[in-house]
Amino acid sequence: KNRSYQYLTNAYNFIYQKEFQQAEKQ
């Protein structure tokens, strides 16, 4: 559960960095 929220948080960060491919992986 905590790991999945960690990946979600990483996705938020990648979206603002405009790294959509990385966001999708997370």
PDB file of all heavy atoms in Angstrom:
ATOM      1  N   LYS A   1       0.830  -1.201   0.000  1.00  0.00           N
ATOM      2  CA  LYS A   1       0.000   0.000   0.000  1.00  0.00           C
ATOM      3  C   LYS A   1       0.869   1.257   0.000  1.00  0.00           C
ATOM      4  O   LYS A   1       0.679   2.171  -0.818  1.00  0.00           O
ATOM      5  CB  LYS A   1      -0.934   0.003   1.214  1.00  0.00           C
ATOM      6  CG  LYS A   1      -1.881   1.196   1.251  1.00  0.00           C
ATOM      7  CD  LYS A   1      -2.839   1.101   2.423  1.00  0.00           C
ATOM      8  CE  LYS A   1      -3.798   2.282   2.451  1.00  0.00           C
ATOM      9  NZ  LYS A   1      -4.752   2.197   3.589  1.00  0.00           N
ATOM     10  N   ASN A   2       1.828   1.313   0.907  1.00  0.00           N
ATOM     11  CA  ASN A   2       2.715   2.485   0.965  1.00  0.00           C
ATOM     12  C   ASN A   2       3.591   2.577  -0.271  1.00  0.00           C
ATOM     13  O   ASN A   2       3.889   3.668  -0.747  1.00  0.00           O
ATOM     14  CB  ASN A   2       3.572   2.427   2.232  1.00  0.00           C
ATOM     15  CG  ASN A   2       2.850   3.008   3.444  1.00  0.00           C
ATOM     16  OD1 ASN A   2       2.484   4.176   3.469  1.00  0.00           O
ATOM     17  ND2 ASN A   2       2.641   2.169   4.442  1.00  0.00           N
ATOM     18  N   ARG A   3       4.003   1.419  -0.796  1.00  0.00           N
ATOM     19  CA  ARG A   3       4.841   1.448  -2.015  1.00  0.00           C
ATOM     20  C   ARG A   3       4.046   1.968  -3.210  1.00  0.00           C
ATOM     21  O   ARG A   3       4.566   2.737  -4.027  1.00  0.00           O
ATOM     22  CB  ARG A   3       5.365   0.038  -2.303  1.00  0.00           C
ATOM     23  CG  ARG A   3       6.352  -0.026  -3.456  1.00  0.00           C
ATOM     24  CD  ARG A   3       7.687   0.614  -3.091  1.00  0.00           C
ATOM     25  NE  ARG A   3       8.440  -0.223  -2.170  1.00  0.00           N
ATOM     26  CZ  ARG A   3       9.594   0.150  -1.607  1.00  0.00           C
ATOM     27  NH1 ARG A   3      10.103   1.349  -1.873  1.00  0.00           N
ATOM     28  NH2 ARG A   3      10.222  -0.641  -0.764  1.00  0.00           N
ATOM     29  N   SER A   4       2.767   1.581  -3.297  1.00  0.00           N
ATOM     30  CA  SER A   4       1.947   2.052  -4.418  1.00  0.00           C
ATOM     31  C   SER A   4       1.736   3.563  -4.342  1.00  0.00           C
ATOM     32  O   SER A   4       1.760   4.261  -5.362  1.00  0.00           O
ATOM     33  CB  SER A   4       0.603   1.329  -4.439  1.00  0.00           C
ATOM     34  OG  SER A   4      -0.167   1.641  -3.303  1.00  0.00           O
ATOM     35  N   TYR A   5       1.571   4.092  -3.123  1.00  0.00           N
ATOM     36  CA  TYR A   5       1.452   5.545  -2.975  1.00  0.00           C
ATOM     37  C   TYR A   5       2.771   6.261  -3.287  1.00  0.00           C
ATOM     38  O   TYR A   5       2.779   7.387  -3.778  1.00  0.00           O
ATOM     39  CB  TYR A   5       0.974   5.892  -1.567  1.00  0.00           C
ATOM     40  CG  TYR A   5      -0.524   5.794  -1.404  1.00  0.00           C
ATOM     41  CD1 TYR A   5      -1.100   4.910  -0.482  1.00  0.00           C
ATOM     42  CD2 TYR A   5      -1.389   6.583  -2.168  1.00  0.00           C
ATOM     43  CE1 TYR A   5      -2.469   4.811  -0.341  1.00  0.00           C
ATOM     44  CE2 TYR A   5      -2.762   6.485  -2.028  1.00  0.00           C
ATOM     45  CZ  TYR A   5      -3.300   5.605  -1.120  1.00  0.00           C
ATOM     46  OH  TYR A   5      -4.670   5.510  -0.980  1.00  0.00           O
ATOM     47  N   GLN A   6       3.864   5.586  -3.008  1.00  0.00           N
ATOM     48  CA  GLN A   6       5.165   6.159  -3.377  1.00  0.00           C
ATOM     49  C   GLN A   6       5.281   6.296  -4.889  1.00  0.00           C
ATOM     50  O   GLN A   6       5.703   7.336  -5.399  1.00  0.00           O
ATOM     51  CB  GLN A   6       6.294   5.267  -2.841  1.00  0.00           C
ATOM     52  CG  GLN A   6       7.701   5.775  -3.232  1.00  0.00           C
ATOM     53  CD  GLN A   6       8.791   4.802  -2.851  1.00  0.00           C
ATOM     54  OE1 GLN A   6       8.536   3.807  -2.148  1.00  0.00           O
ATOM     55  NE2 GLN A   6      10.009   5.044  -3.303  1.00  0.00           N
ATOM     56  N   TYR A   7       4.896   5.239  -5.616  1.00  0.00           N
ATOM     57  CA  TYR A   7       4.938   5.300  -7.080  1.00  0.00           C
ATOM     58  C   TYR A   7       3.998   6.383  -7.617  1.00  0.00           C
ATOM     59  O   TYR A   7       4.322   7.075  -8.594  1.00  0.00           O
ATOM     60  CB  TYR A   7       4.557   3.941  -7.675  1.00  0.00           C
ATOM     61  CG  TYR A   7       5.581   2.847  -7.434  1.00  0.00           C
ATOM     62  CD1 TYR A   7       5.185   1.519  -7.285  1.00  0.00           C
ATOM     63  CD2 TYR A   7       6.937   3.145  -7.371  1.00  0.00           C
ATOM     64  CE1 TYR A   7       6.113   0.504  -7.076  1.00  0.00           C
ATOM     65  CE2 TYR A   7       7.875   2.129  -7.159  1.00  0.00           C
ATOM     66  CZ  TYR A   7       7.454   0.833  -7.011  1.00  0.00           C
ATOM     67  OH  TYR A   7       8.391  -0.164  -6.803  1.00  0.00           O
ATOM     68  N   LEU A   8       2.858   6.530  -6.995  1.00  0.00           N
ATOM     69  CA  LEU A   8       1.912   7.574  -7.404  1.00  0.00           C
ATOM     70  C   LEU A   8       2.522   8.963  -7.213  1.00  0.00           C
ATOM     71  O   LEU A   8       2.394   9.841  -8.084  1.00  0.00           O
ATOM     72  CB  LEU A   8       0.615   7.448  -6.600  1.00  0.00           C
ATOM     73  CG  LEU A   8      -0.468   8.494  -6.871  1.00  0.00           C
ATOM     74  CD1 LEU A   8      -0.957   8.414  -8.317  1.00  0.00           C
ATOM     75  CD2 LEU A   8      -1.639   8.310  -5.908  1.00  0.00           C
ATOM     76  N   THR A   9       3.205   9.151  -6.086  1.00  0.00           N
ATOM     77  CA  THR A   9       3.874  10.430  -5.815  1.00  0.00           C
ATOM     78  C   THR A   9       4.952  10.709  -6.857  1.00  0.00           C
ATOM     79  O   THR A   9       5.097  11.841  -7.346  1.00  0.00           O
ATOM     80  CB  THR A   9       4.496  10.407  -4.400  1.00  0.00           C
ATOM     81  OG1 THR A   9       3.463  10.179  -3.439  1.00  0.00           O
ATOM     82  CG2 THR A   9       5.185  11.715  -4.085  1.00  0.00           C
ATOM     83  N   ASN A  10       5.709   9.670  -7.214  1.00  0.00           N
ATOM     84  CA  ASN A  10       6.720   9.824  -8.269  1.00  0.00           C
ATOM     85  C   ASN A  10       6.075  10.229  -9.589  1.00  0.00           C
ATOM     86  O   ASN A  10       6.620  11.058 -10.338  1.00  0.00           O
ATOM     87  CB  ASN A  10       7.492   8.518  -8.464  1.00  0.00           C
ATOM     88  CG  ASN A  10       8.520   8.285  -7.371  1.00  0.00           C
ATOM     89  OD1 ASN A  10       9.102   9.230  -6.850  1.00  0.00           O
ATOM     90  ND2 ASN A  10       8.738   7.037  -7.006  1.00  0.00           N
ATOM     91  N   ALA A  11       4.919   9.649  -9.880  1.00  0.00           N
ATOM     92  CA  ALA A  11       4.215   9.984 -11.121  1.00  0.00           C
ATOM     93  C   ALA A  11       3.815  11.459 -11.135  1.00  0.00           C
ATOM     94  O   ALA A  11       3.945  12.128 -12.168  1.00  0.00           O
ATOM     95  CB  ALA A  11       2.976   9.094 -11.262  1.00  0.00           C
ATOM     96  N   TYR A  12       3.325  11.962 -10.007  1.00  0.00           N
ATOM     97  CA  TYR A  12       2.999  13.388  -9.913  1.00  0.00           C
ATOM     98  C   TYR A  12       4.209  14.251 -10.278  1.00  0.00           C
ATOM     99  O   TYR A  12       4.123  15.211 -11.047  1.00  0.00           O
ATOM    100  CB  TYR A  12       2.544  13.749  -8.490  1.00  0.00           C
ATOM    101  CG  TYR A  12       1.194  13.195  -8.079  1.00  0.00           C
ATOM    102  CD1 TYR A  12       0.903  12.988  -6.729  1.00  0.00           C
ATOM    103  CD2 TYR A  12       0.212  12.892  -9.019  1.00  0.00           C
ATOM    104  CE1 TYR A  12      -0.330  12.500  -6.329  1.00  0.00           C
ATOM    105  CE2 TYR A  12      -1.031  12.396  -8.625  1.00  0.00           C
ATOM    106  CZ  TYR A  12      -1.294  12.202  -7.277  1.00  0.00           C
ATOM    107  OH  TYR A  12      -2.519  11.717  -6.889  1.00  0.00           O
ATOM    108  N   ASN A  13       5.333  13.873  -9.708  1.00  0.00           N
ATOM    109  CA  ASN A  13       6.551  14.644  -9.942  1.00  0.00           C
ATOM    110  C   ASN A  13       6.978  14.582 -11.414  1.00  0.00           C
ATOM    111  O   ASN A  13       7.329  15.607 -12.015  1.00  0.00           O
ATOM    112  CB  ASN A  13       7.668  14.111  -9.044  1.00  0.00           C
ATOM    113  CG  ASN A  13       8.952  14.914  -9.174  1.00  0.00           C
ATOM    114  OD1 ASN A  13       8.943  16.149  -9.147  1.00  0.00           O
ATOM    115  ND2 ASN A  13      10.065  14.219  -9.329  1.00  0.00           N
ATOM    116  N   PHE A  14       6.916  13.393 -12.011  1.00  0.00           N
ATOM    117  CA  PHE A  14       7.307  13.254 -13.430  1.00  0.00           C
ATOM    118  C   PHE A  14       6.368  14.007 -14.362  1.00  0.00           C
ATOM    119  O   PHE A  14       6.793  14.526 -15.403  1.00  0.00           O
ATOM    120  CB  PHE A  14       7.368  11.774 -13.818  1.00  0.00           C
ATOM    121  CG  PHE A  14       8.602  11.069 -13.333  1.00  0.00           C
ATOM    122  CD1 PHE A  14       8.517   9.895 -12.586  1.00  0.00           C
ATOM    123  CD2 PHE A  14       9.865  11.580 -13.629  1.00  0.00           C
ATOM    124  CE1 PHE A  14       9.657   9.247 -12.151  1.00  0.00           C
ATOM    125  CE2 PHE A  14      11.025  10.924 -13.194  1.00  0.00           C
ATOM    126  CZ  PHE A  14      10.909   9.768 -12.447  1.00  0.00           C
ATOM    127  N   ILE A  15       5.087  14.085 -13.976  1.00  0.00           N
ATOM    128  CA  ILE A  15       4.143  14.832 -14.817  1.00  0.00           C
ATOM    129  C   ILE A  15       4.546  16.303 -14.893  1.00  0.00           C
ATOM    130  O   ILE A  15       4.547  16.903 -15.979  1.00  0.00           O
ATOM    131  CB  ILE A  15       2.709  14.685 -14.255  1.00  0.00           C
ATOM    132  CG1 ILE A  15       2.168  13.276 -14.528  1.00  0.00           C
ATOM    133  CG2 ILE A  15       1.762  15.722 -14.868  1.00  0.00           C
ATOM    134  CD1 ILE A  15       0.855  12.968 -13.831  1.00  0.00           C
ATOM    135  N   TYR A  16       4.915  16.877 -13.751  1.00  0.00           N
ATOM    136  CA  TYR A  16       5.328  18.288 -13.762  1.00  0.00           C
ATOM    137  C   TYR A  16       6.692  18.492 -14.427  1.00  0.00           C
ATOM    138  O   TYR A  16       7.007  19.586 -14.884  1.00  0.00           O
ATOM    139  CB  TYR A  16       5.338  18.852 -12.335  1.00  0.00           C
ATOM    140  CG  TYR A  16       3.989  19.376 -11.897  1.00  0.00           C
ATOM    141  CD1 TYR A  16       3.462  19.057 -10.646  1.00  0.00           C
ATOM    142  CD2 TYR A  16       3.228  20.187 -12.729  1.00  0.00           C
ATOM    143  CE1 TYR A  16       2.225  19.521 -10.250  1.00  0.00           C
ATOM    144  CE2 TYR A  16       1.992  20.653 -12.350  1.00  0.00           C
ATOM    145  CZ  TYR A  16       1.495  20.322 -11.106  1.00  0.00           C
ATOM    146  OH  TYR A  16       0.269  20.801 -10.721  1.00  0.00           O
ATOM    147  N   GLN A  17       7.481  17.399 -14.451  1.00  0.00           N
ATOM    148  CA  GLN A  17       8.758  17.475 -15.171  1.00  0.00           C
ATOM    149  C   GLN A  17       8.558  17.195 -16.661  1.00  0.00           C
ATOM    150  O   GLN A  17       9.527  17.205 -17.430  1.00  0.00           O
ATOM    151  CB  GLN A  17       9.743  16.452 -14.575  1.00  0.00           C
ATOM    152  CG  GLN A  17      10.017  16.604 -13.087  1.00  0.00           C
ATOM    153  CD  GLN A  17      10.659  17.910 -12.726  1.00  0.00           C
ATOM    154  OE1 GLN A  17      11.394  18.506 -13.540  1.00  0.00           O
ATOM    155  NE2 GLN A  17      10.402  18.402 -11.510  1.00  0.00           N
ATOM    156  N   LYS A  18       7.299  16.928 -17.056  1.00  0.00           N
ATOM    157  CA  LYS A  18       6.920  16.614 -18.443  1.00  0.00           C
ATOM    158  C   LYS A  18       7.602  15.346 -18.947  1.00  0.00           C
ATOM    159  O   LYS A  18       7.855  15.180 -20.140  1.00  0.00           O
ATOM    160  CB  LYS A  18       7.223  17.784 -19.375  1.00  0.00           C
ATOM    161  CG  LYS A  18       6.418  19.032 -19.034  1.00  0.00           C
ATOM    162  CD  LYS A  18       6.687  20.165 -19.989  1.00  0.00           C
ATOM    163  CE  LYS A  18       5.861  21.390 -19.636  1.00  0.00           C
ATOM    164  NZ  LYS A  18       6.103  22.530 -20.549  1.00  0.00           N
ATOM    165  N   GLU A  19       7.879  14.440 -17.995  1.00  0.00           N
ATOM    166  CA  GLU A  19       8.445  13.140 -18.346  1.00  0.00           C
ATOM    167  C   GLU A  19       7.308  12.110 -18.255  1.00  0.00           C
ATOM    168  O   GLU A  19       7.230  11.302 -17.330  1.00  0.00           O
ATOM    169  CB  GLU A  19       9.600  12.777 -17.409  1.00  0.00           C
ATOM    170  CG  GLU A  19      10.773  13.746 -17.490  1.00  0.00           C
ATOM    171  CD  GLU A  19      11.926  13.345 -16.594  1.00  0.00           C
ATOM    172  OE1 GLU A  19      12.036  12.118 -16.285  1.00  0.00           O
ATOM    173  OE2 GLU A  19      12.713  14.220 -16.186  1.00  0.00           O
ATOM    174  N   PHE A  20       6.455  12.146 -19.259  1.00  0.00           N
ATOM    175  CA  PHE A  20       5.225  11.367 -19.208  1.00  0.00           C
ATOM    176  C   PHE A  20       5.464   9.857 -19.293  1.00  0.00           C
ATOM    177  O   PHE A  20       4.707   9.070 -18.729  1.00  0.00           O
ATOM    178  CB  PHE A  20       4.272  11.827 -20.307  1.00  0.00           C
ATOM    179  CG  PHE A  20       3.906  13.278 -20.190  1.00  0.00           C
ATOM    180  CD1 PHE A  20       4.267  14.195 -21.173  1.00  0.00           C
ATOM    181  CD2 PHE A  20       3.203  13.739 -19.084  1.00  0.00           C
ATOM    182  CE1 PHE A  20       3.933  15.528 -21.056  1.00  0.00           C
ATOM    183  CE2 PHE A  20       2.870  15.078 -18.959  1.00  0.00           C
ATOM    184  CZ  PHE A  20       3.236  15.973 -19.939  1.00  0.00           C
ATOM    185  N   GLN A  21       6.520   9.470 -19.990  1.00  0.00           N
ATOM    186  CA  GLN A  21       6.832   8.050 -20.099  1.00  0.00           C
ATOM    187  C   GLN A  21       7.208   7.472 -18.731  1.00  0.00           C
ATOM    188  O   GLN A  21       6.770   6.386 -18.343  1.00  0.00           O
ATOM    189  CB  GLN A  21       7.975   7.828 -21.097  1.00  0.00           C
ATOM    190  CG  GLN A  21       8.171   6.378 -21.525  1.00  0.00           C
ATOM    191  CD  GLN A  21       6.975   5.837 -22.320  1.00  0.00           C
ATOM    192  OE1 GLN A  21       6.309   6.578 -23.061  1.00  0.00           O
ATOM    193  NE2 GLN A  21       6.699   4.549 -22.161  1.00  0.00           N
ATOM    194  N   GLN A  22       8.021   8.238 -17.971  1.00  0.00           N
ATOM    195  CA  GLN A  22       8.412   7.821 -16.629  1.00  0.00           C
ATOM    196  C   GLN A  22       7.205   7.807 -15.683  1.00  0.00           C
ATOM    197  O   GLN A  22       7.054   6.913 -14.847  1.00  0.00           O
ATOM    198  CB  GLN A  22       9.496   8.756 -16.075  1.00  0.00           C
ATOM    199  CG  GLN A  22      10.845   8.630 -16.759  1.00  0.00           C
ATOM    200  CD  GLN A  22      11.460   7.256 -16.541  1.00  0.00           C
ATOM    201  OE1 GLN A  22      11.271   6.629 -15.511  1.00  0.00           O
ATOM    202  NE2 GLN A  22      12.175   6.770 -17.550  1.00  0.00           N
ATOM    203  N   ALA A  23       6.342   8.814 -15.863  1.00  0.00           N
ATOM    204  CA  ALA A  23       5.135   8.877 -15.037  1.00  0.00           C
ATOM    205  C   ALA A  23       4.264   7.644 -15.265  1.00  0.00           C
ATOM    206  O   ALA A  23       3.725   7.055 -14.316  1.00  0.00           O
ATOM    207  CB  ALA A  23       4.352  10.147 -15.355  1.00  0.00           C
ATOM    208  N   GLU A  24       4.150   7.237 -16.529  1.00  0.00           N
ATOM    209  CA  GLU A  24       3.332   6.075 -16.857  1.00  0.00           C
ATOM    210  C   GLU A  24       3.908   4.805 -16.242  1.00  0.00           C
ATOM    211  O   GLU A  24       3.164   3.952 -15.733  1.00  0.00           O
ATOM    212  CB  GLU A  24       3.237   5.924 -18.373  1.00  0.00           C
ATOM    213  CG  GLU A  24       2.272   4.835 -18.810  1.00  0.00           C
ATOM    214  CD  GLU A  24       2.066   4.823 -20.322  1.00  0.00           C
ATOM    215  OE1 GLU A  24       2.303   5.865 -20.981  1.00  0.00           O
ATOM    216  OE2 GLU A  24       1.661   3.766 -20.841  1.00  0.00           O
ATOM    217  N   LYS A  25       5.232   4.658 -16.251  1.00  0.00           N
ATOM    218  CA  LYS A  25       5.875   3.487 -15.662  1.00  0.00           C
ATOM    219  C   LYS A  25       5.576   3.401 -14.155  1.00  0.00           C
ATOM    220  O   LYS A  25       5.305   2.321 -13.617  1.00  0.00           O
ATOM    221  CB  LYS A  25       7.391   3.532 -15.891  1.00  0.00           C
ATOM    222  CG  LYS A  25       7.816   3.229 -17.310  1.00  0.00           C
ATOM    223  CD  LYS A  25       9.340   3.251 -17.424  1.00  0.00           C
ATOM    224  CE  LYS A  25       9.779   2.936 -18.856  1.00  0.00           C
ATOM    225  NZ  LYS A  25      11.263   2.967 -18.983  1.00  0.00           N
ATOM    226  N   GLN A  26       5.660   4.550 -13.495  1.00  0.00           N
ATOM    227  CA  GLN A  26       5.391   4.585 -12.057  1.00  0.00           C
ATOM    228  C   GLN A  26       3.931   4.209 -11.757  1.00  0.00           C
ATOM    229  O   GLN A  26       3.636   3.474 -10.814  1.00  0.00           O
ATOM    230  CB  GLN A  26       5.690   5.984 -11.498  1.00  0.00           C
ATOM    231  CG  GLN A  26       7.163   6.380 -11.543  1.00  0.00           C
ATOM    232  CD  GLN A  26       8.021   5.548 -10.605  1.00  0.00           C
ATOM    233  OE1 GLN A  26       7.641   5.282  -9.478  1.00  0.00           O
ATOM    234  NE2 GLN A  26       9.185   5.123 -11.089  1.00  0.00           N
TER     235      GLN A  26
END
